[in-house]
Amino acid sequence: MDVNLALAAATSVNARAASAVESAQVGLLKRVMDTQTNLNAQLLDSMTVPLATEGRVGTNVNLYA
């Protein structure tokens, strides 16, 4: 009976430790995803090119296709 009690206690301690590690990993994953989101937004903002508003090129749509 002492063996079963010790086994149950060890299992409980291991489960708590695993839960703490899992929480830390989830927190790290969230921070990494936030960083990637910010970097992607900056990259897309730097790549924007203004559209043509005057002239013949880029202002008309050819509907004959």
C-alpha atoms as a PDB file:
ATOM      1  CA  MET A   1       0.000   0.000   0.000  1.00  0.00           C
ATOM      2  CA  ASP A   2       2.913   2.369   0.669  1.00  0.00           C
ATOM      3  CA  VAL A   3       4.176   1.734  -2.851  1.00  0.00           C
ATOM      4  CA  ASN A   4       0.832   2.721  -4.374  1.00  0.00           C
ATOM      5  CA  LEU A   5       0.714   5.891  -2.278  1.00  0.00           C
ATOM      6  CA  ALA A   6       4.264   6.826  -3.262  1.00  0.00           C
ATOM      7  CA  LEU A   7       3.476   6.119  -6.904  1.00  0.00           C
ATOM      8  CA  ALA A   8       0.371   8.292  -6.754  1.00  0.00           C
ATOM      9  CA  ALA A   9       2.340  11.131  -5.130  1.00  0.00           C
ATOM     10  CA  ALA A  10       5.092  10.893  -7.727  1.00  0.00           C
ATOM     11  CA  THR A  11       2.536  10.902 -10.518  1.00  0.00           C
ATOM     12  CA  SER A  12       0.889  13.989  -9.085  1.00  0.00           C
ATOM     13  CA  VAL A  13       4.205  15.826  -8.750  1.00  0.00           C
ATOM     14  CA  ASN A  14       5.187  14.885 -12.309  1.00  0.00           C
ATOM     15  CA  ALA A  15       1.817  16.055 -13.639  1.00  0.00           C
ATOM     16  CA  ARG A  16       2.220  19.432 -11.932  1.00  0.00           C
ATOM     17  CA  ALA A  17       5.742  19.827 -13.304  1.00  0.00           C
ATOM     18  CA  ALA A  18       4.546  18.929 -16.799  1.00  0.00           C
ATOM     19  CA  SER A  19       1.713  21.434 -16.474  1.00  0.00           C
ATOM     20  CA  ALA A  20       4.157  24.182 -15.498  1.00  0.00           C
ATOM     21  CA  VAL A  21       6.415  23.376 -18.445  1.00  0.00           C
ATOM     22  CA  GLU A  22       3.434  23.314 -20.786  1.00  0.00           C
ATOM     23  CA  SER A  23       2.284  26.720 -19.536  1.00  0.00           C
ATOM     24  CA  ALA A  24       5.749  28.149 -20.127  1.00  0.00           C
ATOM     25  CA  GLN A  25       5.832  26.709 -23.645  1.00  0.00           C
ATOM     26  CA  VAL A  26       2.413  28.152 -24.477  1.00  0.00           C
ATOM     27  CA  GLY A  27       3.506  31.560 -23.200  1.00  0.00           C
ATOM     28  CA  LEU A  28       6.652  31.427 -25.324  1.00  0.00           C
ATOM     29  CA  LEU A  29       4.655  30.353 -28.368  1.00  0.00           C
ATOM     30  CA  LYS A  30       2.274  33.302 -27.927  1.00  0.00           C
ATOM     31  CA  ARG A  31       5.175  35.765 -27.684  1.00  0.00           C
ATOM     32  CA  VAL A  32       6.820  34.312 -30.796  1.00  0.00           C
ATOM     33  CA  MET A  33       3.554  34.489 -32.751  1.00  0.00           C
ATOM     34  CA  ASP A  34       3.015  38.114 -31.672  1.00  0.00           C
ATOM     35  CA  THR A  35       6.540  38.975 -32.797  1.00  0.00           C
ATOM     36  CA  GLN A  36       5.988  37.291 -36.154  1.00  0.00           C
ATOM     37  CA  THR A  37       2.699  39.135 -36.602  1.00  0.00           C
ATOM     38  CA  ASN A  38       4.385  42.474 -35.973  1.00  0.00           C
ATOM     39  CA  LEU A  39       7.278  41.684 -38.306  1.00  0.00           C
ATOM     40  CA  ASN A  40       4.921  40.534 -41.061  1.00  0.00           C
ATOM     41  CA  ALA A  41       2.886  43.726 -40.728  1.00  0.00           C
ATOM     42  CA  GLN A  42       6.054  45.826 -41.001  1.00  0.00           C
ATOM     43  CA  LEU A  43       7.159  43.857 -44.060  1.00  0.00           C
ATOM     44  CA  LEU A  44       3.820  44.310 -45.796  1.00  0.00           C
ATOM     45  CA  ASP A  45       3.755  48.018 -44.962  1.00  0.00           C
ATOM     46  CA  SER A  46       7.214  48.484 -46.459  1.00  0.00           C
ATOM     47  CA  MET A  47       6.178  46.761 -49.690  1.00  0.00           C
ATOM     48  CA  THR A  48       3.125  48.883 -50.478  1.00  0.00           C
ATOM     49  CA  VAL A  49       3.364  50.788 -53.735  1.00  0.00           C
ATOM     50  CA  PRO A  50       0.947  53.632 -54.443  1.00  0.00           C
ATOM     51  CA  LEU A  51      -1.439  53.018 -57.309  1.00  0.00           C
ATOM     52  CA  ALA A  52      -1.377  55.170 -60.409  1.00  0.00           C
ATOM     53  CA  THR A  53      -3.908  58.008 -60.347  1.00  0.00           C
ATOM     54  CA  GLU A  54      -3.019  59.788 -63.601  1.00  0.00           C
ATOM     55  CA  GLY A  55      -1.614  58.950 -66.989  1.00  0.00           C
ATOM     56  CA  ARG A  56      -2.354  56.119 -69.383  1.00  0.00           C
ATOM     57  CA  VAL A  57      -0.616  53.248 -67.588  1.00  0.00           C
ATOM     58  CA  GLY A  58      -2.400  51.662 -64.648  1.00  0.00           C
ATOM     59  CA  THR A  59      -5.473  53.882 -64.599  1.00  0.00           C
ATOM     60  CA  ASN A  60      -7.708  52.066 -67.095  1.00  0.00           C
ATOM     61  CA  VAL A  61      -9.146  48.582 -67.071  1.00  0.00           C
ATOM     62  CA  ASN A  62      -9.419  46.718 -70.377  1.00  0.00           C
ATOM     63  CA  LEU A  63     -12.721  44.830 -70.318  1.00  0.00           C
ATOM     64  CA  TYR A  64     -12.195  43.051 -73.643  1.00  0.00           C
ATOM     65  CA  ALA A  65     -10.966  39.610 -72.810  1.00  0.00           C
END
